[in-house]
Amino acid sequence: MMKINLSPQRRDDVVAVSVAGDVLFLNGEAFDFGPLPEGATLPQDAIDCEWFAGPVSRENGSLRLTLLLPHGANPSQNVAFPQPIVTQGDGPVTLPVDALPIQAEVSNDQN
């Protein structure tokens, strides 16, 4: 189980997150925290990844970490003030996102 806190940040990129046991995948890159013992903390600067916004620790058997949450210029309340995510199993992690605006089709017909 992981408790993932999110730190919103204005960015023009995205992050895809998934979990397999103690392995966290960020945009396909694996970060294996299996060796992190109970009560230990791995400082942010020891993790070579721009998506971490703080240390990773193990408390009561659960990994706890903070990731950056990229968002556009005008995030919704859900994205600007996200709730922590607690994973219950393996697989993709659904992050709060805002829907992309639908752009109207521009017609060049000059009939």
PDB file of N, CA and C in Angstrom:
ATOM      1  N   MET A   1       0.853  -1.181   0.000  1.00  0.00           N
ATOM      2  CA  MET A   1       0.000   0.000   0.000  1.00  0.00           C
ATOM      3  C   MET A   1       0.900   1.246   0.000  1.00  0.00           C
ATOM      4  N   MET A   2       0.457   2.261  -0.728  1.00  0.00           N
ATOM      5  CA  MET A   2       1.165   3.534  -0.765  1.00  0.00           C
ATOM      6  C   MET A   2       0.193   4.669  -0.485  1.00  0.00           C
ATOM      7  N   LYS A   3       0.679   5.658   0.252  1.00  0.00           N
ATOM      8  CA  LYS A   3      -0.072   6.895   0.410  1.00  0.00           C
ATOM      9  C   LYS A   3       0.681   7.944  -0.401  1.00  0.00           C
ATOM     10  N   ILE A   4       0.022   8.447  -1.440  1.00  0.00           N
ATOM     11  CA  ILE A   4       0.642   9.405  -2.346  1.00  0.00           C
ATOM     12  C   ILE A   4      -0.004  10.766  -2.137  1.00  0.00           C
ATOM     13  N   ASN A   5       0.790  11.693  -1.630  1.00  0.00           N
ATOM     14  CA  ASN A   5       0.355  13.086  -1.551  1.00  0.00           C
ATOM     15  C   ASN A   5       0.733  13.756  -2.863  1.00  0.00           C
ATOM     16  N   LEU A   6      -0.029  14.756  -3.242  1.00  0.00           N
ATOM     17  CA  LEU A   6       0.210  15.446  -4.510  1.00  0.00           C
ATOM     18  C   LEU A   6       0.502  16.915  -4.273  1.00  0.00           C
ATOM     19  N   SER A   7       1.501  17.417  -4.979  1.00  0.00           N
ATOM     20  CA  SER A   7       1.890  18.813  -4.898  1.00  0.00           C
ATOM     21  C   SER A   7       1.657  19.445  -6.269  1.00  0.00           C
ATOM     22  N   PRO A   8       0.549  20.183  -6.430  1.00  0.00           N
ATOM     23  CA  PRO A   8       0.225  20.762  -7.735  1.00  0.00           C
ATOM     24  C   PRO A   8       1.302  21.743  -8.202  1.00  0.00           C
ATOM     25  N   GLN A   9       1.558  21.706  -9.502  1.00  0.00           N
ATOM     26  CA  GLN A   9       2.544  22.600 -10.094  1.00  0.00           C
ATOM     27  C   GLN A   9       2.131  22.905 -11.526  1.00  0.00           C
ATOM     28  N   ARG A  10       2.218  24.182 -11.901  1.00  0.00           N
ATOM     29  CA  ARG A  10       1.893  24.599 -13.274  1.00  0.00           C
ATOM     30  C   ARG A  10       2.975  24.060 -14.197  1.00  0.00           C
ATOM     31  N   ARG A  11       2.579  23.144 -15.077  1.00  0.00           N
ATOM     32  CA  ARG A  11       3.505  22.514 -16.031  1.00  0.00           C
ATOM     33  C   ARG A  11       2.736  22.171 -17.290  1.00  0.00           C
ATOM     34  N   ASP A  12       3.464  22.008 -18.366  1.00  0.00           N
ATOM     35  CA  ASP A  12       2.842  21.635 -19.633  1.00  0.00           C
ATOM     36  C   ASP A  12       3.110  20.182 -20.001  1.00  0.00           C
ATOM     37  N   ASP A  13       3.516  19.366 -19.024  1.00  0.00           N
ATOM     38  CA  ASP A  13       3.732  17.957 -19.291  1.00  0.00           C
ATOM     39  C   ASP A  13       2.800  17.124 -18.413  1.00  0.00           C
ATOM     40  N   VAL A  14       2.905  15.817 -18.514  1.00  0.00           N
ATOM     41  CA  VAL A  14       2.025  14.929 -17.746  1.00  0.00           C
ATOM     42  C   VAL A  14       2.856  13.840 -17.091  1.00  0.00           C
ATOM     43  N   VAL A  15       2.275  13.232 -16.083  1.00  0.00           N
ATOM     44  CA  VAL A  15       2.912  12.087 -15.438  1.00  0.00           C
ATOM     45  C   VAL A  15       1.895  10.952 -15.370  1.00  0.00           C
ATOM     46  N   ALA A  16       2.348   9.775 -15.760  1.00  0.00           N
ATOM     47  CA  ALA A  16       1.537   8.564 -15.640  1.00  0.00           C
ATOM     48  C   ALA A  16       2.107   7.762 -14.479  1.00  0.00           C
ATOM     49  N   VAL A  17       1.237   7.344 -13.570  1.00  0.00           N
ATOM     50  CA  VAL A  17       1.664   6.674 -12.348  1.00  0.00           C
ATOM     51  C   VAL A  17       1.009   5.303 -12.265  1.00  0.00           C
ATOM     52  N   SER A  18       1.810   4.305 -11.934  1.00  0.00           N
ATOM     53  CA  SER A  18       1.254   2.988 -11.630  1.00  0.00           C
ATOM     54  C   SER A  18       2.097   2.347 -10.530  1.00  0.00           C
ATOM     55  N   VAL A  19       1.532   1.300  -9.919  1.00  0.00           N
ATOM     56  CA  VAL A  19       2.132   0.651  -8.761  1.00  0.00           C
ATOM     57  C   VAL A  19       2.137  -0.859  -8.976  1.00  0.00           C
ATOM     58  N   ALA A  20       3.229  -1.481  -8.563  1.00  0.00           N
ATOM     59  CA  ALA A  20       3.310  -2.944  -8.518  1.00  0.00           C
ATOM     60  C   ALA A  20       4.073  -3.297  -7.247  1.00  0.00           C
ATOM     61  N   GLY A  21       3.344  -3.624  -6.192  1.00  0.00           N
ATOM     62  CA  GLY A  21       3.976  -3.885  -4.897  1.00  0.00           C
ATOM     63  C   GLY A  21       4.620  -2.616  -4.364  1.00  0.00           C
ATOM     64  N   ASP A  22       5.927  -2.691  -4.092  1.00  0.00           N
ATOM     65  CA  ASP A  22       6.668  -1.530  -3.605  1.00  0.00           C
ATOM     66  C   ASP A  22       7.360  -0.773  -4.739  1.00  0.00           C
ATOM     67  N   VAL A  23       7.006  -1.092  -5.971  1.00  0.00           N
ATOM     68  CA  VAL A  23       7.598  -0.423  -7.129  1.00  0.00           C
ATOM     69  C   VAL A  23       6.612   0.610  -7.657  1.00  0.00           C
ATOM     70  N   LEU A  24       7.103   1.830  -7.784  1.00  0.00           N
ATOM     71  CA  LEU A  24       6.311   2.928  -8.333  1.00  0.00           C
ATOM     72  C   LEU A  24       6.830   3.206  -9.732  1.00  0.00           C
ATOM     73  N   PHE A  25       5.926   3.272 -10.705  1.00  0.00           N
ATOM     74  CA  PHE A  25       6.299   3.577 -12.082  1.00  0.00           C
ATOM     75  C   PHE A  25       5.820   4.986 -12.414  1.00  0.00           C
ATOM     76  N   LEU A  26       6.753   5.832 -12.870  1.00  0.00           N
ATOM     77  CA  LEU A  26       6.438   7.198 -13.283  1.00  0.00           C
ATOM     78  C   LEU A  26       6.838   7.343 -14.732  1.00  0.00           C
ATOM     79  N   ASN A  27       5.845   7.494 -15.605  1.00  0.00           N
ATOM     80  CA  ASN A  27       6.076   7.555 -17.052  1.00  0.00           C
ATOM     81  C   ASN A  27       6.930   6.377 -17.512  1.00  0.00           C
ATOM     82  N   GLY A  28       6.661   5.197 -16.946  1.00  0.00           N
ATOM     83  CA  GLY A  28       7.339   3.980 -17.348  1.00  0.00           C
ATOM     84  C   GLY A  28       8.644   3.704 -16.624  1.00  0.00           C
ATOM     85  N   GLU A  29       9.192   4.668 -15.889  1.00  0.00           N
ATOM     86  CA  GLU A  29      10.441   4.463 -15.154  1.00  0.00           C
ATOM     87  C   GLU A  29      10.126   3.872 -13.774  1.00  0.00           C
ATOM     88  N   ALA A  30      10.813   2.782 -13.435  1.00  0.00           N
ATOM     89  CA  ALA A  30      10.543   2.072 -12.181  1.00  0.00           C
ATOM     90  C   ALA A  30      11.397   2.600 -11.040  1.00  0.00           C
ATOM     91  N   PHE A  31      10.759   2.763  -9.873  1.00  0.00           N
ATOM     92  CA  PHE A  31      11.425   3.146  -8.636  1.00  0.00           C
ATOM     93  C   PHE A  31      11.048   2.096  -7.591  1.00  0.00           C
ATOM     94  N   ASP A  32      12.014   1.238  -7.247  1.00  0.00           N
ATOM     95  CA  ASP A  32      11.762   0.121  -6.354  1.00  0.00           C
ATOM     96  C   ASP A  32      12.099   0.523  -4.922  1.00  0.00           C
ATOM     97  N   PHE A  33      11.073   0.653  -4.089  1.00  0.00           N
ATOM     98  CA  PHE A  33      11.258   1.021  -2.692  1.00  0.00           C
ATOM     99  C   PHE A  33      11.151  -0.185  -1.771  1.00  0.00           C
ATOM    100  N   GLY A  34      11.201  -1.397  -2.336  1.00  0.00           N
ATOM    101  CA  GLY A  34      11.164  -2.616  -1.542  1.00  0.00           C
ATOM    102  C   GLY A  34      12.247  -2.674  -0.473  1.00  0.00           C
ATOM    103  N   PRO A  35      13.479  -2.243  -0.773  1.00  0.00           N
ATOM    104  CA  PRO A  35      14.542  -2.303   0.243  1.00  0.00           C
ATOM    105  C   PRO A  35      14.402  -1.288   1.386  1.00  0.00           C
ATOM    106  N   LEU A  36      13.477  -0.326   1.282  1.00  0.00           N
ATOM    107  CA  LEU A  36      13.335   0.691   2.322  1.00  0.00           C
ATOM    108  C   LEU A  36      12.708   0.061   3.559  1.00  0.00           C
ATOM    109  N   PRO A  37      13.465  -0.003   4.682  1.00  0.00           N
ATOM    110  CA  PRO A  37      12.939  -0.673   5.879  1.00  0.00           C
ATOM    111  C   PRO A  37      11.906   0.168   6.632  1.00  0.00           C
ATOM    112  N   GLU A  38      11.170  -0.499   7.476  1.00  0.00           N
ATOM    113  CA  GLU A  38      10.170   0.151   8.328  1.00  0.00           C
ATOM    114  C   GLU A  38      10.818   1.285   9.131  1.00  0.00           C
ATOM    115  N   GLY A  39      10.172   2.447   9.122  1.00  0.00           N
ATOM    116  CA  GLY A  39      10.643   3.600   9.881  1.00  0.00           C
ATOM    117  C   GLY A  39      11.714   4.417   9.189  1.00  0.00           C
ATOM    118  N   ALA A  40      12.171   3.976   8.035  1.00  0.00           N
ATOM    119  CA  ALA A  40      13.236   4.683   7.316  1.00  0.00           C
ATOM    120  C   ALA A  40      12.662   5.727   6.369  1.00  0.00           C
ATOM    121  N   THR A  41      13.497   6.714   6.058  1.00  0.00           N
ATOM    122  CA  THR A  41      13.129   7.773   5.114  1.00  0.00           C
ATOM    123  C   THR A  41      14.247   7.933   4.100  1.00  0.00           C
ATOM    124  N   LEU A  42      13.876   7.974   2.835  1.00  0.00           N
ATOM    125  CA  LEU A  42      14.809   8.230   1.743  1.00  0.00           C
ATOM    126  C   LEU A  42      14.627   9.685   1.326  1.00  0.00           C
ATOM    127  N   PRO A  43      15.672  10.523   1.472  1.00  0.00           N
ATOM    128  CA  PRO A  43      15.512  11.934   1.134  1.00  0.00           C
ATOM    129  C   PRO A  43      15.236  12.142  -0.358  1.00  0.00           C
ATOM    130  N   GLN A  44      14.538  13.220  -0.658  1.00  0.00           N
ATOM    131  CA  GLN A  44      14.187  13.538  -2.036  1.00  0.00           C
ATOM    132  C   GLN A  44      15.422  13.625  -2.921  1.00  0.00           C
ATOM    133  N   ASP A  45      16.493  14.236  -2.416  1.00  0.00           N
ATOM    134  CA  ASP A  45      17.675  14.408  -3.262  1.00  0.00           C
ATOM    135  C   ASP A  45      18.410  13.100  -3.545  1.00  0.00           C
ATOM    136  N   ALA A  46      18.025  12.007  -2.896  1.00  0.00           N
ATOM    137  CA  ALA A  46      18.605  10.696  -3.180  1.00  0.00           C
ATOM    138  C   ALA A  46      17.854   9.979  -4.303  1.00  0.00           C
ATOM    139  N   ILE A  47      16.766  10.569  -4.768  1.00  0.00           N
ATOM    140  CA  ILE A  47      15.948   9.974  -5.821  1.00  0.00           C
ATOM    141  C   ILE A  47      16.150  10.803  -7.088  1.00  0.00           C
ATOM    142  N   ASP A  48      16.664  10.171  -8.117  1.00  0.00           N
ATOM    143  CA  ASP A  48      16.973  10.871  -9.358  1.00  0.00           C
ATOM    144  C   ASP A  48      15.733  10.941 -10.257  1.00  0.00           C
ATOM    145  N   CYS A  49      14.804  11.807  -9.844  1.00  0.00           N
ATOM    146  CA  CYS A  49      13.569  11.961 -10.613  1.00  0.00           C
ATOM    147  C   CYS A  49      12.915  13.293 -10.267  1.00  0.00           C
ATOM    148  N   GLU A  50      12.565  14.043 -11.287  1.00  0.00           N
ATOM    149  CA  GLU A  50      11.962  15.369 -11.078  1.00  0.00           C
ATOM    150  C   GLU A  50      10.548  15.322 -10.513  1.00  0.00           C
ATOM    151  N   TRP A  51       9.878  14.172 -10.536  1.00  0.00           N
ATOM    152  CA  TRP A  51       8.479  14.099 -10.125  1.00  0.00           C
ATOM    153  C   TRP A  51       8.285  13.983  -8.612  1.00  0.00           C
ATOM    154  N   PHE A  52       9.350  13.658  -7.879  1.00  0.00           N
ATOM    155  CA  PHE A  52       9.221  13.562  -6.426  1.00  0.00           C
ATOM    156  C   PHE A  52       9.323  14.949  -5.805  1.00  0.00           C
ATOM    157  N   ALA A  53       8.407  15.251  -4.893  1.00  0.00           N
ATOM    158  CA  ALA A  53       8.367  16.569  -4.256  1.00  0.00           C
ATOM    159  C   ALA A  53       8.654  16.457  -2.761  1.00  0.00           C
ATOM    160  N   GLY A  54       9.320  15.409  -2.368  1.00  0.00           N
ATOM    161  CA  GLY A  54       9.642  15.203  -0.971  1.00  0.00           C
ATOM    162  C   GLY A  54      10.241  13.826  -0.776  1.00  0.00           C
ATOM    163  N   PRO A  55      10.524  13.477   0.463  1.00  0.00           N
ATOM    164  CA  PRO A  55      11.130  12.175   0.757  1.00  0.00           C
ATOM    165  C   PRO A  55      10.123  11.034   0.608  1.00  0.00           C
ATOM    166  N   VAL A  56      10.652   9.819   0.611  1.00  0.00           N
ATOM    167  CA  VAL A  56       9.827   8.608   0.627  1.00  0.00           C
ATOM    168  C   VAL A  56      10.106   7.914   1.947  1.00  0.00           C
ATOM    169  N   SER A  57       9.051   7.529   2.651  1.00  0.00           N
ATOM    170  CA  SER A  57       9.233   6.850   3.934  1.00  0.00           C
ATOM    171  C   SER A  57       8.331   5.625   4.009  1.00  0.00           C
ATOM    172  N   ARG A  58       8.657   4.764   4.957  1.00  0.00           N
ATOM    173  CA  ARG A  58       7.806   3.596   5.214  1.00  0.00           C
ATOM    174  C   ARG A  58       7.346   3.683   6.663  1.00  0.00           C
ATOM    175  N   GLU A  59       6.026   3.751   6.832  1.00  0.00           N
ATOM    176  CA  GLU A  59       5.424   3.835   8.162  1.00  0.00           C
ATOM    177  C   GLU A  59       4.302   2.811   8.257  1.00  0.00           C
ATOM    178  N   ASN A  60       4.357   1.987   9.279  1.00  0.00           N
ATOM    179  CA  ASN A  60       3.352   0.930   9.474  1.00  0.00           C
ATOM    180  C   ASN A  60       3.197   0.058   8.231  1.00  0.00           C
ATOM    181  N   GLY A  61       4.326  -0.207   7.567  1.00  0.00           N
ATOM    182  CA  GLY A  61       4.318  -1.071   6.387  1.00  0.00           C
ATOM    183  C   GLY A  61       3.907  -0.385   5.106  1.00  0.00           C
ATOM    184  N   SER A  62       3.491   0.872   5.178  1.00  0.00           N
ATOM    185  CA  SER A  62       2.994   1.609   4.013  1.00  0.00           C
ATOM    186  C   SER A  62       4.024   2.626   3.538  1.00  0.00           C
ATOM    187  N   LEU A  63       4.225   2.704   2.234  1.00  0.00           N
ATOM    188  CA  LEU A  63       5.086   3.733   1.673  1.00  0.00           C
ATOM    189  C   LEU A  63       4.329   5.053   1.628  1.00  0.00           C
ATOM    190  N   ARG A  64       5.025   6.129   1.970  1.00  0.00           N
ATOM    191  CA  ARG A  64       4.433   7.475   1.943  1.00  0.00           C
ATOM    192  C   ARG A  64       5.353   8.364   1.135  1.00  0.00           C
ATOM    193  N   LEU A  65       4.757   9.090   0.170  1.00  0.00           N
ATOM    194  CA  LEU A  65       5.557   9.926  -0.715  1.00  0.00           C
ATOM    195  C   LEU A  65       4.718  11.062  -1.264  1.00  0.00           C
ATOM    196  N   THR A  66       5.405  12.045  -1.835  1.00  0.00           N
ATOM    197  CA  THR A  66       4.735  13.185  -2.462  1.00  0.00           C
ATOM    198  C   THR A  66       5.255  13.323  -3.882  1.00  0.00           C
ATOM    199  N   LEU A  67       4.309  13.426  -4.819  1.00  0.00           N
ATOM    200  CA  LEU A  67       4.636  13.612  -6.232  1.00  0.00           C
ATOM    201  C   LEU A  67       4.116  14.953  -6.714  1.00  0.00           C
ATOM    202  N   LEU A  68       4.801  15.510  -7.699  1.00  0.00           N
ATOM    203  CA  LEU A  68       4.282  16.711  -8.360  1.00  0.00           C
ATOM    204  C   LEU A  68       3.066  16.323  -9.185  1.00  0.00           C
ATOM    205  N   LEU A  69       2.085  17.197  -9.214  1.00  0.00           N
ATOM    206  CA  LEU A  69       0.880  17.005 -10.021  1.00  0.00           C
ATOM    207  C   LEU A  69       0.824  18.147 -11.028  1.00  0.00           C
ATOM    208  N   PRO A  70       1.174  17.881 -12.287  1.00  0.00           N
ATOM    209  CA  PRO A  70       1.145  18.968 -13.273  1.00  0.00           C
ATOM    210  C   PRO A  70      -0.286  19.393 -13.588  1.00  0.00           C
ATOM    211  N   HIS A  71      -0.448  20.693 -13.848  1.00  0.00           N
ATOM    212  CA  HIS A  71      -1.775  21.190 -14.222  1.00  0.00           C
ATOM    213  C   HIS A  71      -1.626  22.390 -15.146  1.00  0.00           C
ATOM    214  N   GLY A  72      -2.714  22.722 -15.801  1.00  0.00           N
ATOM    215  CA  GLY A  72      -2.745  23.852 -16.721  1.00  0.00           C
ATOM    216  C   GLY A  72      -2.892  25.181 -15.998  1.00  0.00           C
ATOM    217  N   ALA A  73      -3.172  26.222 -16.773  1.00  0.00           N
ATOM    218  CA  ALA A  73      -3.195  27.589 -16.251  1.00  0.00           C
ATOM    219  C   ALA A  73      -4.316  27.843 -15.241  1.00  0.00           C
ATOM    220  N   ASN A  74      -5.448  27.209 -15.392  1.00  0.00           N
ATOM    221  CA  ASN A  74      -6.589  27.458 -14.503  1.00  0.00           C
ATOM    222  C   ASN A  74      -7.127  26.149 -13.950  1.00  0.00           C
ATOM    223  N   PRO A  75      -6.437  25.552 -12.971  1.00  0.00           N
ATOM    224  CA  PRO A  75      -6.875  24.248 -12.470  1.00  0.00           C
ATOM    225  C   PRO A  75      -8.172  24.342 -11.673  1.00  0.00           C
ATOM    226  N   SER A  76      -8.926  23.272 -11.717  1.00  0.00           N
ATOM    227  CA  SER A  76     -10.127  23.162 -10.895  1.00  0.00           C
ATOM    228  C   SER A  76      -9.708  23.013  -9.430  1.00  0.00           C
ATOM    229  N   GLN A  77     -10.660  23.130  -8.521  1.00  0.00           N
ATOM    230  CA  GLN A  77     -10.385  22.938  -7.095  1.00  0.00           C
ATOM    231  C   GLN A  77      -9.848  21.539  -6.831  1.00  0.00           C
ATOM    232  N   ASN A  78     -10.385  20.556  -7.554  1.00  0.00           N
ATOM    233  CA  ASN A  78      -9.978  19.166  -7.401  1.00  0.00           C
ATOM    234  C   ASN A  78      -8.500  18.965  -7.729  1.00  0.00           C
ATOM    235  N   VAL A  79      -7.999  19.714  -8.699  1.00  0.00           N
ATOM    236  CA  VAL A  79      -6.600  19.601  -9.113  1.00  0.00           C
ATOM    237  C   VAL A  79      -5.709  20.526  -8.280  1.00  0.00           C
ATOM    238  N   ALA A  80      -6.187  21.721  -7.993  1.00  0.00           N
ATOM    239  CA  ALA A  80      -5.391  22.687  -7.224  1.00  0.00           C
ATOM    240  C   ALA A  80      -5.217  22.269  -5.768  1.00  0.00           C
ATOM    241  N   PHE A  81      -6.194  21.546  -5.231  1.00  0.00           N
ATOM    242  CA  PHE A  81      -6.153  21.104  -3.836  1.00  0.00           C
ATOM    243  C   PHE A  81      -6.492  19.611  -3.762  1.00  0.00           C
ATOM    244  N   PRO A  82      -5.609  18.762  -4.312  1.00  0.00           N
ATOM    245  CA  PRO A  82      -5.927  17.331  -4.404  1.00  0.00           C
ATOM    246  C   PRO A  82      -5.870  16.618  -3.056  1.00  0.00           C
ATOM    247  N   GLN A  83      -6.710  15.612  -2.934  1.00  0.00           N
ATOM    248  CA  GLN A  83      -6.713  14.748  -1.767  1.00  0.00           C
ATOM    249  C   GLN A  83      -5.614  13.699  -1.926  1.00  0.00           C
ATOM    250  N   PRO A  84      -5.037  13.218  -0.835  1.00  0.00           N
ATOM    251  CA  PRO A  84      -4.057  12.130  -0.936  1.00  0.00           C
ATOM    252  C   PRO A  84      -4.698  10.892  -1.563  1.00  0.00           C
ATOM    253  N   ILE A  85      -3.880  10.119  -2.223  1.00  0.00           N
ATOM    254  CA  ILE A  85      -4.326   8.875  -2.847  1.00  0.00           C
ATOM    255  C   ILE A  85      -3.734   7.714  -2.058  1.00  0.00           C
ATOM    256  N   VAL A  86      -4.565   6.761  -1.689  1.00  0.00           N
ATOM    257  CA  VAL A  86      -4.100   5.557  -1.011  1.00  0.00           C
ATOM    258  C   VAL A  86      -4.347   4.395  -1.959  1.00  0.00           C
ATOM    259  N   THR A  87      -3.252   3.772  -2.401  1.00  0.00           N
ATOM    260  CA  THR A  87      -3.396   2.635  -3.309  1.00  0.00           C
ATOM    261  C   THR A  87      -3.760   1.398  -2.513  1.00  0.00           C
ATOM    262  N   GLN A  88      -4.597   0.570  -3.085  1.00  0.00           N
ATOM    263  CA  GLN A  88      -5.016  -0.657  -2.425  1.00  0.00           C
ATOM    264  C   GLN A  88      -4.492  -1.894  -3.135  1.00  0.00           C
ATOM    265  N   GLY A  89      -3.904  -1.713  -4.291  1.00  0.00           N
ATOM    266  CA  GLY A  89      -3.401  -2.846  -5.061  1.00  0.00           C
ATOM    267  C   GLY A  89      -2.539  -2.361  -6.203  1.00  0.00           C
ATOM    268  N   ASP A  90      -2.159  -3.291  -7.049  1.00  0.00           N
ATOM    269  CA  ASP A  90      -1.315  -2.972  -8.186  1.00  0.00           C
ATOM    270  C   ASP A  90      -2.139  -2.407  -9.338  1.00  0.00           C
ATOM    271  N   GLY A  91      -1.478  -1.620 -10.172  1.00  0.00           N
ATOM    272  CA  GLY A  91      -2.115  -1.093 -11.366  1.00  0.00           C
ATOM    273  C   GLY A  91      -1.950   0.406 -11.485  1.00  0.00           C
ATOM    274  N   PRO A  92      -2.619   0.975 -12.483  1.00  0.00           N
ATOM    275  CA  PRO A  92      -2.535   2.423 -12.701  1.00  0.00           C
ATOM    276  C   PRO A  92      -3.138   3.199 -11.541  1.00  0.00           C
ATOM    277  N   VAL A  93      -2.576   4.366 -11.271  1.00  0.00           N
ATOM    278  CA  VAL A  93      -3.079   5.268 -10.245  1.00  0.00           C
ATOM    279  C   VAL A  93      -3.762   6.428 -10.959  1.00  0.00           C
ATOM    280  N   THR A  94      -5.017   6.657 -10.614  1.00  0.00           N
ATOM    281  CA  THR A  94      -5.773   7.735 -11.237  1.00  0.00           C
ATOM    282  C   THR A  94      -5.497   9.042 -10.507  1.00  0.00           C
ATOM    283  N   LEU A  95      -4.909   9.980 -11.223  1.00  0.00           N
ATOM    284  CA  LEU A  95      -4.621  11.303 -10.673  1.00  0.00           C
ATOM    285  C   LEU A  95      -5.746  12.262 -11.047  1.00  0.00           C
ATOM    286  N   PRO A  96      -6.011  13.262 -10.212  1.00  0.00           N
ATOM    287  CA  PRO A  96      -7.016  14.252 -10.597  1.00  0.00           C
ATOM    288  C   PRO A  96      -6.498  15.086 -11.777  1.00  0.00           C
ATOM    289  N   VAL A  97      -7.322  15.240 -12.779  1.00  0.00           N
ATOM    290  CA  VAL A  97      -6.965  16.038 -13.959  1.00  0.00           C
ATOM    291  C   VAL A  97      -8.176  16.840 -14.390  1.00  0.00           C
ATOM    292  N   ASP A  98      -7.908  17.911 -15.091  1.00  0.00           N
ATOM    293  CA  ASP A  98      -8.978  18.693 -15.695  1.00  0.00           C
ATOM    294  C   ASP A  98      -9.145  18.251 -17.133  1.00  0.00           C
ATOM    295  N   ALA A  99     -10.378  18.237 -17.591  1.00  0.00           N
ATOM    296  CA  ALA A  99     -10.646  17.883 -18.982  1.00  0.00           C
ATOM    297  C   ALA A  99     -10.052  18.949 -19.893  1.00  0.00           C
ATOM    298  N   LEU A 100      -9.544  18.499 -21.023  1.00  0.00           N
ATOM    299  CA  LEU A 100      -9.029  19.451 -22.000  1.00  0.00           C
ATOM    300  C   LEU A 100     -10.202  20.187 -22.642  1.00  0.00           C
ATOM    301  N   PRO A 101     -10.046  21.483 -22.902  1.00  0.00           N
ATOM    302  CA  PRO A 101     -11.138  22.205 -23.561  1.00  0.00           C
ATOM    303  C   PRO A 101     -11.339  21.684 -24.974  1.00  0.00           C
ATOM    304  N   ILE A 102     -12.583  21.617 -25.359  1.00  0.00           N
ATOM    305  CA  ILE A 102     -12.908  21.188 -26.717  1.00  0.00           C
ATOM    306  C   ILE A 102     -12.782  22.397 -27.626  1.00  0.00           C
ATOM    307  N   GLN A 103     -11.949  22.261 -28.643  1.00  0.00           N
ATOM    308  CA  GLN A 103     -11.745  23.373 -29.559  1.00  0.00           C
ATOM    309  C   GLN A 103     -12.757  23.279 -30.696  1.00  0.00           C
ATOM    310  N   ALA A 104     -13.390  24.398 -30.979  1.00  0.00           N
ATOM    311  CA  ALA A 104     -14.356  24.430 -32.076  1.00  0.00           C
ATOM    312  C   ALA A 104     -13.620  24.274 -33.408  1.00  0.00           C
ATOM    313  N   GLU A 105     -14.249  23.543 -34.298  1.00  0.00           N
ATOM    314  CA  GLU A 105     -13.640  23.380 -35.628  1.00  0.00           C
ATOM    315  C   GLU A 105     -13.758  24.700 -36.364  1.00  0.00           C
ATOM    316  N   VAL A 106     -12.689  25.052 -37.023  1.00  0.00           N
ATOM    317  CA  VAL A 106     -12.665  26.286 -37.800  1.00  0.00           C
ATOM    318  C   VAL A 106     -12.836  25.898 -39.258  1.00  0.00           C
ATOM    319  N   SER A 107     -13.803  26.484 -39.902  1.00  0.00           N
ATOM    320  CA  SER A 107     -14.058  26.180 -41.301  1.00  0.00           C
ATOM    321  C   SER A 107     -13.427  27.242 -42.169  1.00  0.00           C
ATOM    322  N   ASN A 108     -12.762  26.786 -43.224  1.00  0.00           N
ATOM    323  CA  ASN A 108     -12.147  27.696 -44.185  1.00  0.00           C
ATOM    324  C   ASN A 108     -12.973  27.785 -45.459  1.00  0.00           C
ATOM    325  N   ASP A 109     -14.190  27.235 -45.421  1.00  0.00           N
ATOM    326  CA  ASP A 109     -15.048  27.288 -46.621  1.00  0.00           C
ATOM    327  C   ASP A 109     -15.482  28.726 -46.842  1.00  0.00           C
ATOM    328  N   GLN A 110     -15.347  29.165 -48.040  1.00  0.00           N
ATOM    329  CA  GLN A 110     -15.723  30.523 -48.413  1.00  0.00           C
ATOM    330  C   GLN A 110     -16.776  30.473 -49.517  1.00  0.00           C
ATOM    331  N   ASN A 111     -17.864  29.765 -49.334  1.00  0.00           N
ATOM    332  CA  ASN A 111     -18.900  29.612 -50.363  1.00  0.00           C
ATOM    333  C   ASN A 111     -19.605  30.870 -50.617  1.00  0.00           C
TER     334      ASN A 111
END
